[in-house]
Amino acid sequence: MAQLHFYIPDSMADIVKIKAEHAHLSVSKYLAELVKREVANQWPENYFDSFGNWEGEPLERPIQEAFEQRETLD
């Protein structure tokens, strides 16, 4: 497993420590979870390239019926 080293301001480090304590995690585990969550939620490569490229028969919208009349609330 890789180890990463980085620098953050002391004030931010204090906040990270508090958040890790509230999550009942070590600071290292807390930061690993943050990174995992951020990196894992990426869209797959070329995901949006397929939008609008329907290969089936043309889509047709059905005829829209008139709205029903409902009683009003007083």
Protein backbone atom coordinates (compact mmCIF):
# COMPACT_ATOMS: atom_id res chain seq x y z
CA MET A 1 0.00 0.00 0.00
CA ALA A 2 1.34 3.42 -0.94
CA GLN A 3 2.18 6.10 1.59
CA LEU A 4 1.53 9.72 0.73
CA HIS A 5 3.00 12.74 2.47
CA PHE A 6 1.54 16.22 2.21
CA TYR A 7 1.40 19.48 4.09
CA ILE A 8 -1.63 21.39 5.36
CA PRO A 9 -1.94 24.40 7.67
CA ASP A 10 -1.92 23.62 11.39
CA SER A 11 -5.45 24.97 11.80
CA MET A 12 -6.72 22.54 9.16
CA ALA A 13 -4.82 19.66 10.74
CA ASP A 14 -6.56 20.39 14.04
CA ILE A 15 -9.95 20.17 12.32
CA VAL A 16 -8.98 16.89 10.64
CA LYS A 17 -7.96 15.43 14.00
CA ILE A 18 -11.29 16.42 15.56
CA LYS A 19 -13.28 14.98 12.65
CA ALA A 20 -11.29 11.74 12.81
CA GLU A 21 -12.01 11.47 16.55
CA HIS A 22 -15.74 12.00 15.93
CA ALA A 23 -15.64 9.26 13.29
CA HIS A 24 -13.77 6.97 15.75
CA LEU A 25 -10.92 6.61 13.24
CA SER A 26 -7.23 7.36 13.26
CA VAL A 27 -6.26 10.43 11.26
CA SER A 28 -4.60 8.19 8.66
CA LYS A 29 -7.69 6.00 8.26
CA TYR A 30 -9.97 9.06 8.17
CA LEU A 31 -7.93 10.67 5.39
CA ALA A 32 -7.75 7.37 3.49
CA GLU A 33 -11.55 7.14 3.60
CA LEU A 34 -11.88 10.71 2.32
CA VAL A 35 -9.53 10.03 -0.57
CA LYS A 36 -11.23 6.73 -1.39
CA ARG A 37 -14.65 8.38 -1.43
CA GLU A 38 -13.44 11.23 -3.64
CA VAL A 39 -11.57 9.08 -6.15
CA ALA A 40 -14.07 6.21 -6.33
CA ASN A 41 -16.98 8.47 -7.30
CA GLN A 42 -15.57 9.43 -10.68
CA TRP A 43 -17.45 8.83 -13.90
CA PRO A 44 -15.95 6.10 -16.11
CA GLU A 45 -13.79 7.27 -18.98
CA ASN A 46 -15.86 8.36 -22.03
CA TYR A 47 -19.07 8.02 -19.96
CA PHE A 48 -20.74 11.11 -21.42
CA ASP A 49 -19.72 10.37 -25.02
CA SER A 50 -22.67 8.02 -25.47
CA PHE A 51 -25.37 10.53 -24.46
CA GLY A 52 -27.68 11.39 -27.35
CA ASN A 53 -26.48 8.47 -29.47
CA TRP A 54 -29.63 6.34 -29.56
CA GLU A 55 -29.19 3.41 -31.96
CA GLY A 56 -32.73 2.03 -31.92
CA GLU A 57 -35.87 3.12 -33.72
CA PRO A 58 -36.74 6.80 -33.42
CA LEU A 59 -38.42 7.65 -30.17
CA GLU A 60 -41.92 9.06 -30.47
CA ARG A 61 -43.75 10.90 -27.74
CA PRO A 62 -47.32 9.65 -27.28
CA ILE A 63 -50.21 12.05 -27.72
CA GLN A 64 -50.76 14.01 -24.52
CA GLU A 65 -54.27 13.79 -23.12
CA ALA A 66 -56.02 16.80 -21.58
CA PHE A 67 -55.46 17.38 -17.88
CA GLU A 68 -58.19 16.07 -15.66
CA GLN A 69 -60.29 18.60 -13.79
CA ARG A 70 -60.05 18.21 -10.04
CA GLU A 71 -62.07 19.73 -7.29
CA THR A 72 -60.42 22.71 -5.62
CA LEU A 73 -59.58 22.77 -1.95
CA ASP A 74 -61.28 25.49 0.04
